[in-house]
Amino acid sequence: MRNFKQRYGSWALVTGGTSGIGAALVQQLAQEGLNIVMVARNASQLDTQAEKLRQQTGVQVRTISADLTRPEGLERVLDATQDLAIDMLVPCAAIETIGLFVESTQDRHQEMVHMNVIAPMTLARHFGAGMAQRGRGAILFVSSLSGWMPQPFMAQYGATKSYVMGLAAGLHFEMKGLGVDVSVLSPGPTDTPMAAATGIDFASMGMSIMRPEDVAACGLAALGRKLDAVPGPRNKMMAFMMSRLMSRSLAGTMFKMMMGRALKR
């Protein structure tokens, strides 16, 4: 038990909370006694997960069906939480596209920016302001190993995740004096529906696939202790090598070779 409820308060909001890492984060926060606001697109999945969570943990669960690739989705989240003091924020929802940047549609690129960049920024500013006023709270951003290095064949996704890392780093130091803990979780390959949908053979890239539960635990353990949470020894080694030991040119060349092998390009 990390005493999140005593340290931060009663309510946690998690986007992308019905599957993968988001679902694991919701489960672990609820097990610590925090009430949960779950945000996702699929209303039926939200209802199913919420009822299961209530029965297992006894916490209060509020669901918000919202598409965070659209401005109206964000507005729905803010409107539906006006009566709550959100004490922990975990903007976990994200989308990615694999392949050449110029082969994806403009609409897809804009959707990715809205979900991966604008949504976490907007939620952090809105709920972070309340945390700062109360003098306590926590924000766990979710970036990716992709944010640590050049990402050929995942250029837009990597760029959005670099933004999340940069925002989290700045807020980590800004908010510390206001009583708000900010950390950023940077997972590598994880056994999630989003990762499966890419079709990438991560084994051919020399990478191992982690369990969402272990990734979530790594992120939550960082709050109040450190800025960066990179789960798994291989991921830590890759993040260090490609961001500290190699030039951007060498890191990009190496990742292009790895992705080219995995995508058979």
C-alpha atoms as a PDB file:
ATOM      1  CA  MET A   1       0.000   0.000   0.000  1.00  0.00           C
ATOM      2  CA  ARG A   2       1.371   3.374  -1.040  1.00  0.00           C
ATOM      3  CA  ASN A   3      -1.159   5.456   0.917  1.00  0.00           C
ATOM      4  CA  PHE A   4      -2.254   7.346  -2.191  1.00  0.00           C
ATOM      5  CA  LYS A   5      -5.606   8.154  -0.632  1.00  0.00           C
ATOM      6  CA  GLN A   6      -3.976   9.731   2.406  1.00  0.00           C
ATOM      7  CA  ARG A   7      -1.330  11.522   0.325  1.00  0.00           C
ATOM      8  CA  TYR A   8      -3.486  12.845  -2.481  1.00  0.00           C
ATOM      9  CA  GLY A   9      -7.222  12.441  -1.876  1.00  0.00           C
ATOM     10  CA  SER A  10     -10.188  10.297  -2.852  1.00  0.00           C
ATOM     11  CA  TRP A  11     -10.726  10.476  -6.633  1.00  0.00           C
ATOM     12  CA  ALA A  12      -8.520   9.330  -9.523  1.00  0.00           C
ATOM     13  CA  LEU A  13      -9.331   9.918 -13.182  1.00  0.00           C
ATOM     14  CA  VAL A  14      -7.863   7.515 -15.749  1.00  0.00           C
ATOM     15  CA  THR A  15      -8.333   7.809 -19.502  1.00  0.00           C
ATOM     16  CA  GLY A  16      -8.141   4.631 -21.564  1.00  0.00           C
ATOM     17  CA  GLY A  17      -9.158   2.759 -18.436  1.00  0.00           C
ATOM     18  CA  THR A  18     -10.917  -0.264 -19.950  1.00  0.00           C
ATOM     19  CA  SER A  19      -7.974  -2.148 -21.454  1.00  0.00           C
ATOM     20  CA  GLY A  20      -4.241  -2.637 -21.330  1.00  0.00           C
ATOM     21  CA  ILE A  21      -2.119  -0.441 -19.085  1.00  0.00           C
ATOM     22  CA  GLY A  22      -5.054   1.864 -18.317  1.00  0.00           C
ATOM     23  CA  ALA A  23      -7.151  -1.011 -16.994  1.00  0.00           C
ATOM     24  CA  ALA A  24      -4.236  -2.213 -14.855  1.00  0.00           C
ATOM     25  CA  LEU A  25      -3.784   1.280 -13.421  1.00  0.00           C
ATOM     26  CA  VAL A  26      -7.500   1.515 -12.612  1.00  0.00           C
ATOM     27  CA  GLN A  27      -7.415  -1.858 -10.860  1.00  0.00           C
ATOM     28  CA  GLN A  28      -4.382  -0.991  -8.734  1.00  0.00           C
ATOM     29  CA  LEU A  29      -5.697   2.429  -7.755  1.00  0.00           C
ATOM     30  CA  ALA A  30      -9.079   0.982  -6.795  1.00  0.00           C
ATOM     31  CA  GLN A  31      -7.366  -1.687  -4.705  1.00  0.00           C
ATOM     32  CA  GLU A  32      -5.779   1.164  -2.731  1.00  0.00           C
ATOM     33  CA  GLY A  33      -9.227   2.555  -2.005  1.00  0.00           C
ATOM     34  CA  LEU A  34      -9.391   5.427  -4.473  1.00  0.00           C
ATOM     35  CA  ASN A  35     -12.682   6.176  -6.188  1.00  0.00           C
ATOM     36  CA  ILE A  36     -12.329   6.008  -9.953  1.00  0.00           C
ATOM     37  CA  VAL A  37     -13.462   8.054 -12.931  1.00  0.00           C
ATOM     38  CA  MET A  38     -12.928   5.879 -16.015  1.00  0.00           C
ATOM     39  CA  VAL A  39     -12.857   7.489 -19.450  1.00  0.00           C
ATOM     40  CA  ALA A  40     -13.003   5.479 -22.674  1.00  0.00           C
ATOM     41  CA  ARG A  41     -14.927   5.360 -25.920  1.00  0.00           C
ATOM     42  CA  ASN A  42     -16.843   2.103 -25.532  1.00  0.00           C
ATOM     43  CA  ALA A  43     -19.806   2.647 -23.186  1.00  0.00           C
ATOM     44  CA  SER A  44     -20.636  -1.044 -22.766  1.00  0.00           C
ATOM     45  CA  GLN A  45     -17.043  -1.918 -21.848  1.00  0.00           C
ATOM     46  CA  LEU A  46     -17.018   0.951 -19.379  1.00  0.00           C
ATOM     47  CA  ASP A  47     -20.197  -0.280 -17.694  1.00  0.00           C
ATOM     48  CA  THR A  48     -18.922  -3.862 -17.499  1.00  0.00           C
ATOM     49  CA  GLN A  49     -15.548  -2.853 -16.066  1.00  0.00           C
ATOM     50  CA  ALA A  50     -17.120  -0.417 -13.610  1.00  0.00           C
ATOM     51  CA  GLU A  51     -19.520  -2.970 -12.160  1.00  0.00           C
ATOM     52  CA  LYS A  52     -16.747  -5.531 -11.818  1.00  0.00           C
ATOM     53  CA  LEU A  53     -14.570  -2.958 -10.060  1.00  0.00           C
ATOM     54  CA  ARG A  54     -17.337  -1.983  -7.627  1.00  0.00           C
ATOM     55  CA  GLN A  55     -17.933  -5.620  -6.688  1.00  0.00           C
ATOM     56  CA  GLN A  56     -14.232  -6.385  -6.255  1.00  0.00           C
ATOM     57  CA  THR A  57     -13.134  -3.284  -4.338  1.00  0.00           C
ATOM     58  CA  GLY A  58     -16.211  -1.462  -3.050  1.00  0.00           C
ATOM     59  CA  VAL A  59     -15.040   1.902  -4.386  1.00  0.00           C
ATOM     60  CA  GLN A  60     -17.210   4.411  -6.203  1.00  0.00           C
ATOM     61  CA  VAL A  61     -16.815   4.315  -9.979  1.00  0.00           C
ATOM     62  CA  ARG A  62     -17.995   6.917 -12.455  1.00  0.00           C
ATOM     63  CA  THR A  63     -17.797   6.258 -16.201  1.00  0.00           C
ATOM     64  CA  ILE A  64     -17.529   8.764 -19.034  1.00  0.00           C
ATOM     65  CA  SER A  65     -17.897   7.603 -22.621  1.00  0.00           C
ATOM     66  CA  ALA A  66     -15.882  10.107 -24.642  1.00  0.00           C
ATOM     67  CA  ASP A  67     -13.820  10.148 -27.825  1.00  0.00           C
ATOM     68  CA  LEU A  68     -10.666  12.090 -26.961  1.00  0.00           C
ATOM     69  CA  THR A  69      -9.704  12.447 -30.613  1.00  0.00           C
ATOM     70  CA  ARG A  70     -12.455  15.091 -30.781  1.00  0.00           C
ATOM     71  CA  PRO A  71     -12.792  18.425 -28.918  1.00  0.00           C
ATOM     72  CA  GLU A  72     -16.292  17.508 -27.778  1.00  0.00           C
ATOM     73  CA  GLY A  73     -14.889  14.419 -26.070  1.00  0.00           C
ATOM     74  CA  LEU A  74     -12.677  16.527 -23.832  1.00  0.00           C
ATOM     75  CA  GLU A  75     -15.560  18.886 -23.104  1.00  0.00           C
ATOM     76  CA  ARG A  76     -17.658  15.918 -22.007  1.00  0.00           C
ATOM     77  CA  VAL A  77     -14.984  14.826 -19.516  1.00  0.00           C
ATOM     78  CA  LEU A  78     -14.690  18.308 -18.006  1.00  0.00           C
ATOM     79  CA  ASP A  79     -18.466  18.756 -17.801  1.00  0.00           C
ATOM     80  CA  ALA A  80     -19.021  15.347 -16.180  1.00  0.00           C
ATOM     81  CA  THR A  81     -16.487  15.982 -13.399  1.00  0.00           C
ATOM     82  CA  GLN A  82     -17.469  19.500 -12.342  1.00  0.00           C
ATOM     83  CA  ASP A  83     -18.736  18.222  -8.988  1.00  0.00           C
ATOM     84  CA  LEU A  84     -15.569  16.245  -8.183  1.00  0.00           C
ATOM     85  CA  ALA A  85     -12.143  17.149  -6.847  1.00  0.00           C
ATOM     86  CA  ILE A  86      -9.860  14.987  -8.989  1.00  0.00           C
ATOM     87  CA  ASP A  87      -6.850  14.214  -6.802  1.00  0.00           C
ATOM     88  CA  MET A  88      -4.952  11.915  -9.186  1.00  0.00           C
ATOM     89  CA  LEU A  89      -4.856  12.186 -12.965  1.00  0.00           C
ATOM     90  CA  VAL A  90      -3.581   9.468 -15.287  1.00  0.00           C
ATOM     91  CA  PRO A  91      -4.043  10.404 -18.970  1.00  0.00           C
ATOM     92  CA  CYS A  92      -3.288   6.979 -20.410  1.00  0.00           C
ATOM     93  CA  ALA A  93      -5.389   6.855 -23.600  1.00  0.00           C
ATOM     94  CA  ALA A  94      -3.380   6.995 -26.830  1.00  0.00           C
ATOM     95  CA  ILE A  95      -3.438   5.916 -30.460  1.00  0.00           C
ATOM     96  CA  GLU A  96      -0.584   5.112 -32.815  1.00  0.00           C
ATOM     97  CA  THR A  97       0.012   4.552 -36.517  1.00  0.00           C
ATOM     98  CA  ILE A  98       2.716   2.358 -37.997  1.00  0.00           C
ATOM     99  CA  GLY A  99       4.280   3.060 -41.386  1.00  0.00           C
ATOM    100  CA  LEU A 100       5.500   5.999 -43.410  1.00  0.00           C
ATOM    101  CA  PHE A 101       4.367   9.384 -42.134  1.00  0.00           C
ATOM    102  CA  VAL A 102       3.317  10.540 -45.610  1.00  0.00           C
ATOM    103  CA  GLU A 103       1.128   7.476 -46.141  1.00  0.00           C
ATOM    104  CA  SER A 104      -1.160   8.219 -43.176  1.00  0.00           C
ATOM    105  CA  THR A 105      -4.057  10.577 -43.708  1.00  0.00           C
ATOM    106  CA  GLN A 106      -4.128  14.116 -42.381  1.00  0.00           C
ATOM    107  CA  ASP A 107      -7.224  13.214 -40.344  1.00  0.00           C
ATOM    108  CA  ARG A 108      -5.357  10.369 -38.649  1.00  0.00           C
ATOM    109  CA  HIS A 109      -2.421  12.620 -37.773  1.00  0.00           C
ATOM    110  CA  GLN A 110      -4.759  15.235 -36.309  1.00  0.00           C
ATOM    111  CA  GLU A 111      -6.623  12.610 -34.280  1.00  0.00           C
ATOM    112  CA  MET A 112      -3.326  11.403 -32.845  1.00  0.00           C
ATOM    113  CA  VAL A 113      -2.278  14.901 -31.847  1.00  0.00           C
ATOM    114  CA  HIS A 114      -5.645  15.549 -30.217  1.00  0.00           C
ATOM    115  CA  MET A 115      -5.651  12.332 -28.170  1.00  0.00           C
ATOM    116  CA  ASN A 116      -1.932  12.017 -27.413  1.00  0.00           C
ATOM    117  CA  VAL A 117      -1.063  15.708 -26.925  1.00  0.00           C
ATOM    118  CA  ILE A 118      -4.048  18.030 -26.532  1.00  0.00           C
ATOM    119  CA  ALA A 119      -6.034  15.709 -24.249  1.00  0.00           C
ATOM    120  CA  PRO A 120      -3.298  15.141 -21.616  1.00  0.00           C
ATOM    121  CA  MET A 121      -2.273  18.808 -21.779  1.00  0.00           C
ATOM    122  CA  THR A 122      -5.860  20.020 -21.293  1.00  0.00           C
ATOM    123  CA  LEU A 123      -6.634  17.585 -18.493  1.00  0.00           C
ATOM    124  CA  ALA A 124      -3.353  18.341 -16.698  1.00  0.00           C
ATOM    125  CA  ARG A 125      -3.972  22.088 -16.827  1.00  0.00           C
ATOM    126  CA  HIS A 126      -7.609  21.793 -15.716  1.00  0.00           C
ATOM    127  CA  PHE A 127      -7.230  19.265 -12.909  1.00  0.00           C
ATOM    128  CA  GLY A 128      -3.692  20.340 -12.018  1.00  0.00           C
ATOM    129  CA  ALA A 129      -4.987  23.817 -11.192  1.00  0.00           C
ATOM    130  CA  GLY A 130      -7.331  22.342  -8.606  1.00  0.00           C
ATOM    131  CA  MET A 131      -4.566  20.196  -7.152  1.00  0.00           C
ATOM    132  CA  ALA A 132      -2.297  23.219  -6.838  1.00  0.00           C
ATOM    133  CA  GLN A 133      -5.019  25.172  -5.027  1.00  0.00           C
ATOM    134  CA  ARG A 134      -5.567  22.306  -2.579  1.00  0.00           C
ATOM    135  CA  GLY A 135      -1.823  21.823  -2.103  1.00  0.00           C
ATOM    136  CA  ARG A 136      -1.794  18.132  -2.944  1.00  0.00           C
ATOM    137  CA  GLY A 137      -2.352  15.750  -5.820  1.00  0.00           C
ATOM    138  CA  ALA A 138      -0.582  13.647  -8.434  1.00  0.00           C
ATOM    139  CA  ILE A 139      -0.343  13.410 -12.210  1.00  0.00           C
ATOM    140  CA  LEU A 140       1.084  10.300 -13.846  1.00  0.00           C
ATOM    141  CA  PHE A 141       1.629  10.986 -17.532  1.00  0.00           C
ATOM    142  CA  VAL A 142       1.981   8.017 -19.864  1.00  0.00           C
ATOM    143  CA  SER A 143       4.555   8.447 -22.604  1.00  0.00           C
ATOM    144  CA  SER A 144       6.410   5.604 -24.309  1.00  0.00           C
ATOM    145  CA  LEU A 145       9.895   4.338 -25.004  1.00  0.00           C
ATOM    146  CA  SER A 146       9.161   5.881 -28.423  1.00  0.00           C
ATOM    147  CA  GLY A 147       9.455   9.318 -26.852  1.00  0.00           C
ATOM    148  CA  TRP A 148      13.115   8.766 -25.978  1.00  0.00           C
ATOM    149  CA  MET A 149      14.513   8.400 -29.500  1.00  0.00           C
ATOM    150  CA  PRO A 150      13.884   9.070 -33.205  1.00  0.00           C
ATOM    151  CA  GLN A 151      11.078   6.835 -34.478  1.00  0.00           C
ATOM    152  CA  PRO A 152      11.216   6.007 -38.190  1.00  0.00           C
ATOM    153  CA  PHE A 153       7.943   4.329 -39.250  1.00  0.00           C
ATOM    154  CA  MET A 154       6.329   5.710 -36.076  1.00  0.00           C
ATOM    155  CA  ALA A 155       7.304   9.354 -36.511  1.00  0.00           C
ATOM    156  CA  GLN A 156       4.041  10.993 -35.477  1.00  0.00           C
ATOM    157  CA  TYR A 157       3.490   8.690 -32.493  1.00  0.00           C
ATOM    158  CA  GLY A 158       7.066   9.200 -31.284  1.00  0.00           C
ATOM    159  CA  ALA A 159       6.707  12.973 -31.654  1.00  0.00           C
ATOM    160  CA  THR A 160       3.523  13.055 -29.588  1.00  0.00           C
ATOM    161  CA  LYS A 161       5.112  10.971 -26.866  1.00  0.00           C
ATOM    162  CA  SER A 162       8.168  13.241 -26.804  1.00  0.00           C
ATOM    163  CA  TYR A 163       5.799  16.121 -26.093  1.00  0.00           C
ATOM    164  CA  VAL A 164       4.302  14.220 -23.155  1.00  0.00           C
ATOM    165  CA  MET A 165       7.776  13.582 -21.754  1.00  0.00           C
ATOM    166  CA  GLY A 166       8.704  17.247 -22.081  1.00  0.00           C
ATOM    167  CA  LEU A 167       5.512  18.473 -20.444  1.00  0.00           C
ATOM    168  CA  ALA A 168       5.870  15.997 -17.593  1.00  0.00           C
ATOM    169  CA  ALA A 169       9.488  17.011 -16.996  1.00  0.00           C
ATOM    170  CA  GLY A 170       8.634  20.682 -16.732  1.00  0.00           C
ATOM    171  CA  LEU A 171       5.637  20.098 -14.487  1.00  0.00           C
ATOM    172  CA  HIS A 172       7.598  17.705 -12.264  1.00  0.00           C
ATOM    173  CA  PHE A 173       9.706  20.651 -11.104  1.00  0.00           C
ATOM    174  CA  GLU A 174       7.027  23.365 -11.358  1.00  0.00           C
ATOM    175  CA  MET A 175       4.456  21.501  -9.292  1.00  0.00           C
ATOM    176  CA  LYS A 176       6.796  20.096  -6.667  1.00  0.00           C
ATOM    177  CA  GLY A 177       6.663  23.308  -4.669  1.00  0.00           C
ATOM    178  CA  LEU A 178       2.855  23.287  -4.858  1.00  0.00           C
ATOM    179  CA  GLY A 179       2.501  19.856  -3.256  1.00  0.00           C
ATOM    180  CA  VAL A 180       1.703  18.020  -6.504  1.00  0.00           C
ATOM    181  CA  ASP A 181       3.733  14.978  -7.579  1.00  0.00           C
ATOM    182  CA  VAL A 182       4.285  14.541 -11.331  1.00  0.00           C
ATOM    183  CA  SER A 183       5.924  11.545 -12.986  1.00  0.00           C
ATOM    184  CA  VAL A 184       5.934  10.032 -16.470  1.00  0.00           C
ATOM    185  CA  LEU A 185       5.674   6.335 -17.342  1.00  0.00           C
ATOM    186  CA  SER A 186       7.483   5.265 -20.531  1.00  0.00           C
ATOM    187  CA  PRO A 187       6.547   1.670 -21.381  1.00  0.00           C
ATOM    188  CA  GLY A 188       8.187  -0.428 -24.039  1.00  0.00           C
ATOM    189  CA  PRO A 189       6.322  -3.289 -25.762  1.00  0.00           C
ATOM    190  CA  THR A 190       3.416  -4.336 -23.535  1.00  0.00           C
ATOM    191  CA  ASP A 191       0.797  -7.052 -23.916  1.00  0.00           C
ATOM    192  CA  THR A 192      -2.090  -4.737 -24.826  1.00  0.00           C
ATOM    193  CA  PRO A 193      -4.705  -4.638 -27.600  1.00  0.00           C
ATOM    194  CA  MET A 194      -3.013  -1.544 -29.070  1.00  0.00           C
ATOM    195  CA  ALA A 195       0.353  -3.314 -29.314  1.00  0.00           C
ATOM    196  CA  ALA A 196      -1.239  -6.425 -30.819  1.00  0.00           C
ATOM    197  CA  ALA A 197      -2.987  -4.321 -33.455  1.00  0.00           C
ATOM    198  CA  THR A 198       0.336  -2.998 -34.779  1.00  0.00           C
ATOM    199  CA  GLY A 199       1.333  -6.408 -36.088  1.00  0.00           C
ATOM    200  CA  ILE A 200       4.932  -5.762 -35.075  1.00  0.00           C
ATOM    201  CA  ASP A 201       7.080  -8.754 -34.186  1.00  0.00           C
ATOM    202  CA  PHE A 202       8.829  -7.273 -31.159  1.00  0.00           C
ATOM    203  CA  ALA A 203      10.853 -10.465 -30.634  1.00  0.00           C
ATOM    204  CA  SER A 204      12.596  -9.845 -33.971  1.00  0.00           C
ATOM    205  CA  MET A 205      13.656  -6.468 -32.593  1.00  0.00           C
ATOM    206  CA  GLY A 206      15.256  -8.060 -29.532  1.00  0.00           C
ATOM    207  CA  MET A 207      12.585  -6.661 -27.220  1.00  0.00           C
ATOM    208  CA  SER A 208      10.501  -8.455 -24.622  1.00  0.00           C
ATOM    209  CA  ILE A 209       6.796  -7.886 -24.004  1.00  0.00           C
ATOM    210  CA  MET A 210       5.789  -6.914 -20.472  1.00  0.00           C
ATOM    211  CA  ARG A 211       2.548  -7.477 -18.575  1.00  0.00           C
ATOM    212  CA  PRO A 212       0.319  -4.397 -18.173  1.00  0.00           C
ATOM    213  CA  GLU A 213       0.134  -5.017 -14.422  1.00  0.00           C
ATOM    214  CA  ASP A 214       3.910  -4.760 -14.044  1.00  0.00           C
ATOM    215  CA  VAL A 215       4.064  -1.623 -16.188  1.00  0.00           C
ATOM    216  CA  ALA A 216       1.293   0.033 -14.175  1.00  0.00           C
ATOM    217  CA  ALA A 217       2.982  -0.818 -10.870  1.00  0.00           C
ATOM    218  CA  CYS A 218       6.240   0.728 -12.092  1.00  0.00           C
ATOM    219  CA  GLY A 219       4.481   3.983 -12.947  1.00  0.00           C
ATOM    220  CA  LEU A 220       2.621   4.280  -9.666  1.00  0.00           C
ATOM    221  CA  ALA A 221       5.770   3.486  -7.699  1.00  0.00           C
ATOM    222  CA  ALA A 222       7.489   6.526  -9.233  1.00  0.00           C
ATOM    223  CA  LEU A 223       4.992   9.076  -7.875  1.00  0.00           C
ATOM    224  CA  GLY A 224       6.599  11.222  -5.198  1.00  0.00           C
ATOM    225  CA  ARG A 225       9.972   9.568  -5.810  1.00  0.00           C
ATOM    226  CA  LYS A 226      11.239  10.362  -9.300  1.00  0.00           C
ATOM    227  CA  LEU A 227      10.347  11.848 -12.667  1.00  0.00           C
ATOM    228  CA  ASP A 228      10.895   8.931 -15.048  1.00  0.00           C
ATOM    229  CA  ALA A 229       9.507   5.428 -14.768  1.00  0.00           C
ATOM    230  CA  VAL A 230      10.837   3.070 -17.441  1.00  0.00           C
ATOM    231  CA  PRO A 231       9.653  -0.484 -16.705  1.00  0.00           C
ATOM    232  CA  GLY A 232      11.869  -3.476 -17.395  1.00  0.00           C
ATOM    233  CA  PRO A 233      15.672  -3.780 -17.574  1.00  0.00           C
ATOM    234  CA  ARG A 234      15.783  -4.059 -21.390  1.00  0.00           C
ATOM    235  CA  ASN A 235      13.676  -0.942 -21.800  1.00  0.00           C
ATOM    236  CA  LYS A 236      15.842   0.956 -19.318  1.00  0.00           C
ATOM    237  CA  MET A 237      18.955  -0.097 -21.206  1.00  0.00           C
ATOM    238  CA  MET A 238      17.473   0.944 -24.575  1.00  0.00           C
ATOM    239  CA  ALA A 239      16.290   4.311 -23.248  1.00  0.00           C
ATOM    240  CA  PHE A 240      19.733   5.017 -21.789  1.00  0.00           C
ATOM    241  CA  MET A 241      21.661   3.874 -24.858  1.00  0.00           C
ATOM    242  CA  MET A 242      19.559   5.673 -27.462  1.00  0.00           C
ATOM    243  CA  SER A 243      19.157   8.918 -25.541  1.00  0.00           C
ATOM    244  CA  ARG A 244      22.518   9.192 -23.752  1.00  0.00           C
ATOM    245  CA  LEU A 245      25.195   7.048 -25.418  1.00  0.00           C
ATOM    246  CA  MET A 246      24.234   7.430 -29.096  1.00  0.00           C
ATOM    247  CA  SER A 247      23.847  10.435 -31.323  1.00  0.00           C
ATOM    248  CA  ARG A 248      20.335  11.068 -32.643  1.00  0.00           C
ATOM    249  CA  SER A 249      21.593  10.092 -36.077  1.00  0.00           C
ATOM    250  CA  LEU A 250      22.892   6.724 -34.902  1.00  0.00           C
ATOM    251  CA  ALA A 251      19.821   6.038 -32.746  1.00  0.00           C
ATOM    252  CA  GLY A 252      17.498   6.827 -35.649  1.00  0.00           C
ATOM    253  CA  THR A 253      19.481   4.650 -38.045  1.00  0.00           C
ATOM    254  CA  MET A 254      19.462   1.741 -35.606  1.00  0.00           C
ATOM    255  CA  PHE A 255      15.736   2.015 -34.887  1.00  0.00           C
ATOM    256  CA  LYS A 256      14.969   2.209 -38.607  1.00  0.00           C
ATOM    257  CA  MET A 257      16.864  -1.051 -39.124  1.00  0.00           C
ATOM    258  CA  MET A 258      15.014  -2.720 -36.235  1.00  0.00           C
ATOM    259  CA  MET A 259      11.598  -1.535 -37.400  1.00  0.00           C
ATOM    260  CA  GLY A 260      12.369  -2.359 -41.018  1.00  0.00           C
ATOM    261  CA  ARG A 261      13.172  -5.921 -39.983  1.00  0.00           C
ATOM    262  CA  ALA A 262       9.991  -6.197 -37.925  1.00  0.00           C
ATOM    263  CA  LEU A 263       7.810  -4.707 -40.694  1.00  0.00           C
ATOM    264  CA  LYS A 264       9.690  -6.622 -43.412  1.00  0.00           C
ATOM    265  CA  ARG A 265      10.505  -3.410 -45.311  1.00  0.00           C
END
